Amino acid sequence: MTPQFQKLREEASQLSSQERLALANELFESTDGSFAEDVADDQRVYSEELAAEVQRRESELDSGLEKSIPHEEAMRRMFGKHDG
């Protein structure tokens, strides 16, 4: 990482959680969405293994082999949350 990046990261760590989230959101929105292609291989946001897994799962959904479930159902299954 560059010295400028390290300095900004250190300064940002002094912000409140809410301020850091707001800053992160603004920084993310300022990208064109292709940031993962613009970083060096050792700075990738995701690994090649993860990308392959995501692609595999997307293919399963697209082919009908697997079905998606609503967010609420996923939360209930993972955390035992119930409506009401």
Protein backbone atom coordinates (compact mmCIF):
# COMPACT_ATOMS: atom_id res chain seq x y z
CA MET A 1 0.00 0.00 0.00
CA THR A 2 1.12 3.54 -0.65
CA PRO A 3 2.07 5.88 2.20
CA GLN A 4 -0.91 8.06 1.25
CA PHE A 5 -3.26 5.09 1.58
CA GLN A 6 -1.77 4.11 4.92
CA LYS A 7 -2.14 7.67 6.24
CA LEU A 8 -5.76 7.89 5.10
CA ARG A 9 -6.54 4.49 6.63
CA GLU A 10 -5.02 5.58 9.92
CA GLU A 11 -6.97 8.84 9.89
CA ALA A 12 -10.20 7.06 8.96
CA SER A 13 -9.73 4.68 11.89
CA GLN A 14 -10.18 7.68 14.19
CA LEU A 15 -13.71 8.30 12.86
CA SER A 16 -16.82 6.91 14.52
CA SER A 17 -18.30 3.70 13.13
CA GLN A 18 -21.10 5.66 11.50
CA GLU A 19 -18.64 8.06 9.86
CA ARG A 20 -16.47 5.18 8.61
CA LEU A 21 -19.50 3.48 7.07
CA ALA A 22 -20.58 6.72 5.41
CA LEU A 23 -17.07 7.26 4.04
CA ALA A 24 -16.84 3.68 2.80
CA ASN A 25 -20.20 4.04 1.06
CA GLU A 26 -19.14 7.28 -0.62
CA LEU A 27 -15.85 5.76 -1.75
CA PHE A 28 -17.60 2.68 -3.12
CA GLU A 29 -20.16 4.78 -4.96
CA SER A 30 -17.34 6.79 -6.54
CA THR A 31 -16.07 3.67 -8.34
CA ASP A 32 -17.49 2.53 -11.65
CA GLY A 33 -17.98 -1.01 -10.39
CA SER A 34 -14.90 -2.40 -12.11
CA PHE A 35 -12.55 -1.86 -9.18
CA ALA A 36 -11.72 -5.56 -8.87
CA GLU A 37 -10.21 -5.46 -12.36
CA ASP A 38 -8.10 -2.39 -11.55
CA VAL A 39 -6.19 -3.76 -8.55
CA ALA A 40 -3.03 -5.82 -8.53
CA ASP A 41 -3.44 -9.59 -8.24
CA ASP A 42 -2.29 -9.54 -4.61
CA GLN A 43 -4.92 -6.92 -3.73
CA ARG A 44 -7.95 -8.59 -5.28
CA VAL A 45 -11.15 -8.24 -3.32
CA TYR A 46 -11.93 -11.93 -3.90
CA SER A 47 -9.92 -15.02 -4.67
CA GLU A 48 -10.12 -17.01 -7.87
CA GLU A 49 -11.54 -19.90 -5.84
CA LEU A 50 -14.36 -17.71 -4.59
CA ALA A 51 -15.05 -16.40 -8.10
CA ALA A 52 -15.24 -20.00 -9.37
CA GLU A 53 -17.62 -20.97 -6.56
CA VAL A 54 -19.88 -18.00 -7.28
CA GLN A 55 -19.90 -18.88 -10.97
CA ARG A 56 -20.73 -22.52 -10.17
CA ARG A 57 -23.63 -21.52 -7.96
CA GLU A 58 -24.94 -19.03 -10.51
CA SER A 59 -24.86 -21.79 -13.14
CA GLU A 60 -26.83 -24.10 -10.84
CA LEU A 61 -29.46 -21.41 -10.32
CA ASP A 62 -29.61 -20.55 -14.03
CA SER A 63 -30.00 -24.21 -15.01
CA GLY A 64 -32.74 -24.84 -12.46
CA LEU A 65 -30.62 -27.43 -10.63
CA GLU A 66 -30.90 -25.27 -7.49
CA LYS A 67 -33.62 -22.89 -6.37
CA SER A 68 -33.18 -19.66 -4.45
CA ILE A 69 -35.11 -18.89 -1.30
CA PRO A 70 -36.35 -15.55 0.05
CA HIS A 71 -34.05 -13.64 2.41
CA GLU A 72 -36.45 -14.08 5.32
CA GLU A 73 -36.40 -17.86 4.89
CA ALA A 74 -32.60 -17.91 4.75
CA MET A 75 -32.40 -15.90 7.98
CA ARG A 76 -34.89 -18.22 9.65
CA ARG A 77 -32.89 -21.27 8.60
CA MET A 78 -29.57 -19.81 9.69
CA PHE A 79 -30.59 -18.10 12.91
CA GLY A 80 -33.93 -19.61 13.85
CA LYS A 81 -35.69 -16.27 13.56
CA HIS A 82 -39.45 -16.29 13.24
CA ASP A 83 -41.88 -13.61 12.16
CA GLY A 84 -43.93 -11.95 14.86
